[in-house]
Amino acid sequence: MSGTERMKIVAQIMDWGGPEAELEALGGMDVDFSIVPFGNSEDAVIAAARGAHGLLLGSGPASRRVIEALVPTLKVISRYGVGYDAVDLQAATDHGVVVANVRTGGVFNQEMSNHAILLLLACAKKLPTMNRIGHTASWGDRTPHTRPMVSIYDQVLGLIGLGDIGAMTARKAQAFDLKVLAYDPFATQEKAAACGAELTHLDRVLRESDFISVHCPLTPDTKGLVGKREFGVMKPSVYLINTARGPIIDEQAMIAALQEGRIAGAGLDVLEQEPPAPDNPLLQMDNVIITPHCAGISDRGTYNVKKKAMENAVRVLTGRWPESVVNPAVSEKVSLQ
């Protein structure tokens, strides 16, 4: 950007309250900032963000078509959150657009890891069923529903993905005396040791774990990573937890495994289609807990994500690298400090 050009930043409206966090990040800078209620279609994103230098993106797509319609003005796409599967990273890199996400927000990572543990405990203790019975006068009816009600003590938690959130989940799991195995082809033995996890191959995680929690990003390599073959390796007593992205798990294979009793249950914050179709079989299963993609949401966590997303955009537009760059190859196209 030229020194005289007024910075324009457009944010996709989120149901997370007002713009206080973003305004705090701006710190009184003279910026043309607007929060626009655009939808999740390519045309909606293009119409809302045309002429913007920075785009704060929630769930809207940033496909090649979108990016090519917004350059050369667009310089940065800053994600509200960790996931970046809706952004065409190659297109962004080709056109010198920096893509940033919020990985450094400690409160957000706390909430995500807390939610994974929450779903694990809720599955183990059959929380929805027990809550339903607890709200009746027929407490004696609980007995058949408690079989089995598993103890998590000295059980094995398997993590698929040992990034920031996975590592935090590993540390918290040890407070419950869970042993932790982890699969992540990019993690080091040193990182695993620091969070108390044993790094190993995927099939061992699948075969030995009593609970499996997914924490990897959705990429072409991880789409359908947990499918029919993987369900065949798991214990029939395993509970599967997913707070990452729905398509990492082959949903039809999971439904079949649940219907056939090849796994004990699931705790899901994400699905392949969100919201799910009314006839999705998962909605009718008592051994499946579903939360509406809310793992990272809290008063402090949400504020932190909004502030960090704006800070990342401002850093790029003022000639600095953001705290977390998703497409580092863009450094060949742009010069930032």
Protein backbone atom coordinates (compact mmCIF):
# COMPACT_ATOMS: atom_id res chain seq x y z
CA MET A 1 0.00 0.00 0.00
CA SER A 2 1.12 3.55 -0.65
CA GLY A 3 1.70 5.84 2.28
CA THR A 4 -1.26 8.07 1.35
CA GLU A 5 -3.78 5.34 0.58
CA ARG A 6 -6.44 4.86 3.24
CA MET A 7 -6.58 1.32 4.52
CA LYS A 8 -9.86 -0.50 3.88
CA ILE A 9 -10.73 -3.62 5.85
CA VAL A 10 -13.94 -5.60 5.49
CA ALA A 11 -15.03 -8.21 8.02
CA GLN A 12 -17.59 -10.93 7.53
CA ILE A 13 -20.27 -10.50 10.15
CA MET A 14 -20.09 -13.10 12.92
CA ASP A 15 -22.68 -13.80 15.59
CA TRP A 16 -20.05 -12.96 18.18
CA GLY A 17 -21.17 -9.54 19.38
CA GLY A 18 -20.07 -6.09 18.31
CA PRO A 19 -16.83 -4.76 16.80
CA GLU A 20 -15.15 -3.81 20.09
CA ALA A 21 -12.33 -6.35 19.72
CA GLU A 22 -11.49 -5.29 16.18
CA LEU A 23 -11.61 -1.60 17.13
CA GLU A 24 -9.29 -2.23 20.06
CA ALA A 25 -6.83 -3.87 17.68
CA LEU A 26 -7.01 -0.84 15.38
CA GLY A 27 -6.11 1.42 18.29
CA GLY A 28 -7.58 4.57 16.75
CA MET A 29 -5.96 4.13 13.33
CA ASP A 30 -7.66 5.95 10.47
CA VAL A 31 -9.09 2.91 8.71
CA ASP A 32 -12.17 2.40 6.58
CA PHE A 33 -13.46 -0.58 8.56
CA SER A 34 -16.83 -2.19 8.01
CA ILE A 35 -18.54 -5.36 9.16
CA VAL A 36 -20.71 -6.63 6.34
CA PRO A 37 -23.46 -9.26 6.64
CA PHE A 38 -22.43 -11.18 3.56
CA GLY A 39 -23.32 -14.81 3.01
CA ASN A 40 -21.22 -17.84 2.24
CA SER A 41 -21.36 -17.74 -1.55
CA GLU A 42 -18.50 -16.63 -3.77
CA ASP A 43 -20.58 -13.82 -5.24
CA ALA A 44 -21.47 -12.52 -1.78
CA VAL A 45 -17.83 -12.41 -0.71
CA ILE A 46 -16.78 -10.65 -3.91
CA ALA A 47 -19.53 -8.04 -3.64
CA ALA A 48 -18.79 -7.30 0.01
CA ALA A 49 -15.01 -7.17 -0.22
CA ARG A 50 -14.46 -5.42 -3.54
CA GLY A 51 -11.94 -2.63 -3.04
CA ALA A 52 -10.77 -3.96 0.32
CA HIS A 53 -7.10 -4.28 1.23
CA GLY A 54 -7.84 -6.65 4.08
CA LEU A 55 -10.54 -9.28 4.48
CA LEU A 56 -11.42 -10.77 7.86
CA LEU A 57 -13.10 -14.03 6.98
CA GLY A 58 -15.35 -16.29 9.01
CA SER A 59 -16.96 -19.15 7.12
CA GLY A 60 -17.14 -17.53 3.68
CA PRO A 61 -15.15 -19.02 0.79
CA ALA A 62 -11.98 -17.47 -0.57
CA SER A 63 -11.69 -19.54 -3.72
CA ARG A 64 -9.45 -18.76 -6.67
CA ARG A 65 -12.39 -17.00 -8.32
CA VAL A 66 -12.94 -14.83 -5.25
CA ILE A 67 -9.27 -13.98 -4.84
CA GLU A 68 -8.77 -13.13 -8.52
CA ALA A 69 -11.82 -10.85 -8.40
CA LEU A 70 -10.38 -8.93 -5.44
CA VAL A 71 -6.72 -8.53 -6.42
CA PRO A 72 -4.60 -6.52 -6.88
CA THR A 73 -6.19 -4.42 -4.13
CA LEU A 74 -6.54 -7.31 -1.69
CA LYS A 75 -3.34 -7.89 0.31
CA VAL A 76 -4.37 -10.09 3.21
CA ILE A 77 -7.03 -12.62 4.19
CA SER A 78 -7.16 -13.01 7.95
CA ARG A 79 -9.17 -15.91 9.28
CA TYR A 80 -11.36 -15.67 12.36
CA GLY A 81 -9.97 -18.89 13.81
CA VAL A 82 -7.51 -21.65 13.02
CA GLY A 83 -8.98 -23.49 10.03
CA TYR A 84 -8.21 -22.32 6.51
CA ASP A 85 -9.81 -25.01 4.36
CA ALA A 86 -12.15 -22.45 2.73
CA VAL A 87 -9.17 -20.48 1.38
CA ASP A 88 -7.42 -21.41 -1.86
CA LEU A 89 -3.86 -21.07 -0.58
CA GLN A 90 -2.26 -21.59 -3.98
CA ALA A 91 -4.37 -18.84 -5.53
CA ALA A 92 -3.55 -16.51 -2.66
CA THR A 93 0.15 -17.25 -2.99
CA ASP A 94 0.08 -16.83 -6.78
CA HIS A 95 -1.34 -13.32 -6.35
CA GLY A 96 0.76 -12.24 -3.37
CA VAL A 97 -2.08 -12.34 -0.84
CA VAL A 98 -0.97 -13.22 2.67
CA VAL A 99 -3.26 -15.68 4.49
CA ALA A 100 -3.18 -15.52 8.28
CA ASN A 101 -4.98 -17.47 10.96
CA VAL A 102 -5.29 -17.22 14.73
CA ARG A 103 -2.96 -19.80 16.21
CA THR A 104 -1.32 -17.70 18.85
CA GLY A 105 -4.50 -16.95 20.81
CA GLY A 106 -4.05 -18.89 24.03
CA VAL A 107 -7.64 -18.48 25.16
CA PHE A 108 -8.98 -19.89 21.89
CA ASN A 109 -6.73 -22.94 22.13
CA GLN A 110 -7.85 -23.38 25.73
CA GLU A 111 -11.49 -23.42 24.65
CA MET A 112 -10.89 -25.86 21.81
CA SER A 113 -8.99 -28.31 23.99
CA ASN A 114 -11.52 -27.91 26.81
CA HIS A 115 -14.31 -28.84 24.41
CA ALA A 116 -12.50 -31.98 23.28
CA ILE A 117 -12.14 -33.07 26.90
CA LEU A 118 -15.77 -32.11 27.54
CA LEU A 119 -16.99 -34.36 24.74
CA LEU A 120 -14.75 -37.18 25.93
CA LEU A 121 -16.16 -36.99 29.45
CA ALA A 122 -19.73 -36.59 28.21
CA CYS A 123 -19.40 -39.72 26.09
CA ALA A 124 -17.83 -41.73 28.89
CA LYS A 125 -20.45 -40.69 31.45
CA LYS A 126 -23.37 -40.82 28.98
CA LEU A 127 -24.18 -37.25 29.94
CA PRO A 128 -27.13 -36.55 27.59
CA THR A 129 -28.92 -39.75 28.62
CA MET A 130 -28.22 -39.24 32.32
CA ASN A 131 -29.34 -35.61 32.07
CA ARG A 132 -32.59 -36.67 30.44
CA ILE A 133 -33.28 -39.27 33.15
CA GLY A 134 -32.23 -36.80 35.83
CA HIS A 135 -34.99 -34.45 34.71
CA THR A 136 -37.62 -37.12 35.35
CA ALA A 137 -38.89 -38.72 38.54
CA SER A 138 -37.77 -42.15 37.34
CA TRP A 139 -34.18 -42.21 38.53
CA GLY A 140 -34.38 -45.95 38.98
CA ASP A 141 -34.55 -46.23 35.20
CA ARG A 142 -30.91 -45.18 34.97
CA THR A 143 -29.45 -48.64 35.64
CA PRO A 144 -29.78 -50.19 32.16
CA HIS A 145 -28.44 -46.99 30.62
CA THR A 146 -25.26 -47.10 32.70
CA ARG A 147 -24.08 -50.32 31.08
CA PRO A 148 -21.39 -49.80 30.15
CA MET A 149 -20.37 -46.51 31.73
CA VAL A 150 -16.64 -46.54 31.24
CA SER A 151 -13.99 -45.25 33.58
CA ILE A 152 -11.42 -43.11 31.81
CA TYR A 153 -8.77 -43.77 34.46
CA ASP A 154 -5.63 -45.34 32.95
CA GLN A 155 -7.26 -45.47 29.51
CA VAL A 156 -5.59 -44.42 26.27
CA LEU A 157 -6.42 -41.21 24.44
CA GLY A 158 -5.23 -41.17 20.85
CA LEU A 159 -4.72 -37.82 19.16
CA ILE A 160 -4.77 -37.36 15.40
CA GLY A 161 -2.87 -34.10 15.09
CA LEU A 162 -0.45 -32.66 17.63
CA GLY A 163 -0.50 -28.97 16.80
CA ASP A 164 -1.18 -26.27 19.36
CA ILE A 165 -4.66 -27.54 20.24
CA GLY A 166 -3.72 -31.20 20.16
CA ALA A 167 -0.75 -30.59 22.44
CA MET A 168 -2.88 -28.63 24.89
CA THR A 169 -5.44 -31.45 24.88
CA ALA A 170 -2.66 -33.92 25.64
CA ARG A 171 -1.52 -31.93 28.65
CA LYS A 172 -5.04 -31.66 30.04
CA ALA A 173 -5.76 -35.35 29.47
CA GLN A 174 -3.01 -36.28 31.89
CA ALA A 175 -4.90 -34.61 34.73
CA PHE A 176 -7.45 -37.42 34.25
CA ASP A 177 -4.70 -40.08 34.29
CA LEU A 178 -5.14 -40.78 30.61
CA LYS A 179 -2.21 -42.14 28.64
CA VAL A 180 -1.74 -40.22 25.40
CA LEU A 181 -0.68 -41.52 22.00
CA ALA A 182 -0.41 -39.14 19.06
CA TYR A 183 -0.10 -39.32 15.31
CA ASP A 184 1.21 -36.29 13.47
CA PRO A 185 3.72 -36.61 10.60
CA PHE A 186 4.88 -33.03 11.21
CA ALA A 187 5.38 -33.16 14.99
CA THR A 188 8.74 -33.80 16.60
CA GLN A 189 9.56 -36.21 19.38
CA GLU A 190 10.58 -33.20 21.46
CA LYS A 191 7.16 -31.57 21.08
CA ALA A 192 5.41 -34.82 21.94
CA ALA A 193 7.54 -35.30 25.04
CA ALA A 194 6.87 -31.72 26.15
CA CYS A 195 3.12 -32.34 26.25
CA GLY A 196 3.33 -35.87 27.62
CA ALA A 197 2.33 -37.70 24.44
CA GLU A 198 3.97 -40.66 22.76
CA LEU A 199 4.37 -40.04 19.05
CA THR A 200 3.58 -43.09 16.96
CA HIS A 201 2.02 -44.24 13.68
CA LEU A 202 -1.66 -43.87 12.85
CA ASP A 203 -2.62 -47.54 13.02
CA ARG A 204 -1.27 -47.88 16.54
CA VAL A 205 -3.31 -44.86 17.63
CA LEU A 206 -6.39 -46.42 16.05
CA ARG A 207 -5.75 -49.90 17.43
CA GLU A 208 -4.82 -49.09 21.05
CA SER A 209 -6.90 -46.02 21.90
CA ASP A 210 -10.04 -46.03 24.04
CA PHE A 211 -10.81 -42.49 22.92
CA ILE A 212 -9.64 -40.88 19.68
CA SER A 213 -9.69 -37.11 19.26
CA VAL A 214 -9.12 -35.37 15.91
CA HIS A 215 -7.06 -32.15 15.91
CA CYS A 216 -5.50 -31.88 12.45
CA PRO A 217 -6.38 -29.24 9.83
CA LEU A 218 -8.54 -30.13 6.85
CA THR A 219 -6.32 -30.37 3.77
CA PRO A 220 -6.45 -32.50 0.61
CA ASP A 221 -4.28 -35.02 2.46
CA THR A 222 -6.47 -35.22 5.57
CA LYS A 223 -9.89 -35.23 3.90
CA GLY A 224 -11.38 -38.65 4.65
CA LEU A 225 -8.33 -39.56 6.73
CA VAL A 226 -10.56 -41.57 9.07
CA GLY A 227 -12.55 -43.87 6.82
CA LYS A 228 -13.81 -47.43 6.47
CA ARG A 229 -10.38 -49.00 6.83
CA GLU A 230 -9.53 -46.93 9.89
CA PHE A 231 -12.81 -47.80 11.62
CA GLY A 232 -11.97 -51.44 11.03
CA VAL A 233 -8.76 -51.04 13.03
CA MET A 234 -10.40 -49.39 16.06
CA LYS A 235 -11.62 -51.13 19.20
CA PRO A 236 -15.40 -51.68 19.27
CA SER A 237 -15.35 -49.84 22.63
CA VAL A 238 -13.72 -46.66 21.28
CA TYR A 239 -15.30 -43.22 21.34
CA LEU A 240 -14.40 -40.84 18.51
CA ILE A 241 -14.14 -37.10 19.22
CA ASN A 242 -13.93 -34.47 16.48
CA THR A 243 -13.58 -30.74 17.12
CA ALA A 244 -11.47 -30.06 14.00
CA ARG A 245 -13.31 -30.30 10.67
CA GLY A 246 -16.11 -32.65 9.66
CA PRO A 247 -14.71 -33.93 6.34
CA ILE A 248 -11.58 -35.29 8.03
CA ILE A 249 -13.85 -38.19 8.98
CA ASP A 250 -15.71 -40.10 6.28
CA GLU A 251 -19.17 -39.49 7.72
CA GLN A 252 -20.88 -42.37 5.94
CA ALA A 253 -18.20 -44.76 7.17
CA MET A 254 -18.67 -43.41 10.70
CA ILE A 255 -22.45 -43.83 10.51
CA ALA A 256 -22.01 -47.43 9.36
CA ALA A 257 -19.52 -48.13 12.16
CA LEU A 258 -21.95 -46.74 14.73
CA GLN A 259 -24.95 -48.59 13.31
CA GLU A 260 -23.04 -51.87 13.24
CA GLY A 261 -21.60 -51.46 16.74
CA ARG A 262 -18.01 -51.29 15.50
CA ILE A 263 -17.38 -48.23 17.68
CA ALA A 264 -19.09 -47.29 20.95
CA GLY A 265 -20.02 -43.71 20.17
CA ALA A 266 -18.89 -40.26 19.09
CA GLY A 267 -18.67 -36.69 20.32
CA LEU A 268 -18.82 -34.26 17.40
CA ASP A 269 -18.57 -30.49 17.19
CA VAL A 270 -18.23 -30.59 13.40
CA LEU A 271 -19.92 -32.47 10.57
CA GLU A 272 -19.48 -32.82 6.82
CA GLN A 273 -22.57 -30.65 6.25
CA GLU A 274 -23.28 -27.84 8.70
CA PRO A 275 -25.98 -27.59 9.80
CA PRO A 276 -26.78 -31.27 9.16
CA ALA A 277 -29.70 -32.40 7.05
CA PRO A 278 -32.75 -33.27 9.19
CA ASP A 279 -32.55 -36.90 8.05
CA ASN A 280 -28.90 -37.35 9.04
CA PRO A 281 -28.85 -40.65 11.00
CA LEU A 282 -26.39 -39.18 13.52
CA LEU A 283 -29.16 -36.97 14.88
CA GLN A 284 -31.13 -40.01 16.02
CA MET A 285 -28.30 -41.86 17.78
CA ASP A 286 -28.25 -41.80 21.59
CA ASN A 287 -24.55 -42.68 21.62
CA VAL A 288 -23.62 -39.62 19.55
CA ILE A 289 -23.22 -36.20 21.14
CA ILE A 290 -23.37 -33.28 18.72
CA THR A 291 -22.59 -29.65 19.49
CA PRO A 292 -23.14 -26.94 16.82
CA HIS A 293 -19.54 -26.04 15.88
CA CYS A 294 -19.11 -24.04 19.06
CA ALA A 295 -15.91 -25.48 20.54
CA GLY A 296 -13.92 -22.27 20.28
CA ILE A 297 -16.67 -19.94 21.42
CA SER A 298 -16.56 -18.22 24.80
CA ASP A 299 -16.63 -14.63 25.98
CA ARG A 300 -12.86 -14.32 26.31
CA GLY A 301 -11.96 -16.76 23.56
CA THR A 302 -14.16 -15.08 20.97
CA TYR A 303 -12.92 -11.60 21.85
CA ASN A 304 -9.34 -12.82 21.57
CA VAL A 305 -9.92 -14.39 18.14
CA LYS A 306 -11.56 -11.23 16.77
CA LYS A 307 -8.78 -9.03 18.08
CA LYS A 308 -6.01 -11.29 16.78
CA ALA A 309 -7.62 -11.55 13.35
CA MET A 310 -7.62 -7.76 13.02
CA GLU A 311 -4.08 -7.49 14.38
CA ASN A 312 -2.89 -9.94 11.73
CA ALA A 313 -4.52 -7.92 8.96
CA VAL A 314 -3.10 -4.63 10.24
CA ARG A 315 0.39 -6.08 10.50
CA VAL A 316 0.37 -7.07 6.83
CA LEU A 317 -1.09 -3.75 5.69
CA THR A 318 1.57 -1.86 7.64
CA GLY A 319 4.43 -3.89 6.19
CA ARG A 320 4.90 -6.58 8.83
CA TRP A 321 4.37 -10.32 8.88
CA PRO A 322 1.39 -11.55 10.89
CA GLU A 323 1.95 -13.80 13.87
CA SER A 324 0.80 -16.86 11.93
CA VAL A 325 1.17 -17.20 8.16
CA VAL A 326 -0.65 -20.10 6.53
CA ASN A 327 1.00 -19.70 3.10
CA PRO A 328 4.68 -18.97 3.85
CA ALA A 329 5.59 -19.39 0.17
CA VAL A 330 3.97 -15.98 -0.39
CA SER A 331 7.22 -14.48 0.93
CA GLU A 332 8.56 -14.84 -2.62
CA LYS A 333 5.86 -12.42 -3.80
CA VAL A 334 5.72 -9.85 -1.00
CA SER A 335 8.30 -8.03 1.07
CA LEU A 336 7.36 -7.67 4.72
CA GLN A 337 9.39 -7.21 7.87
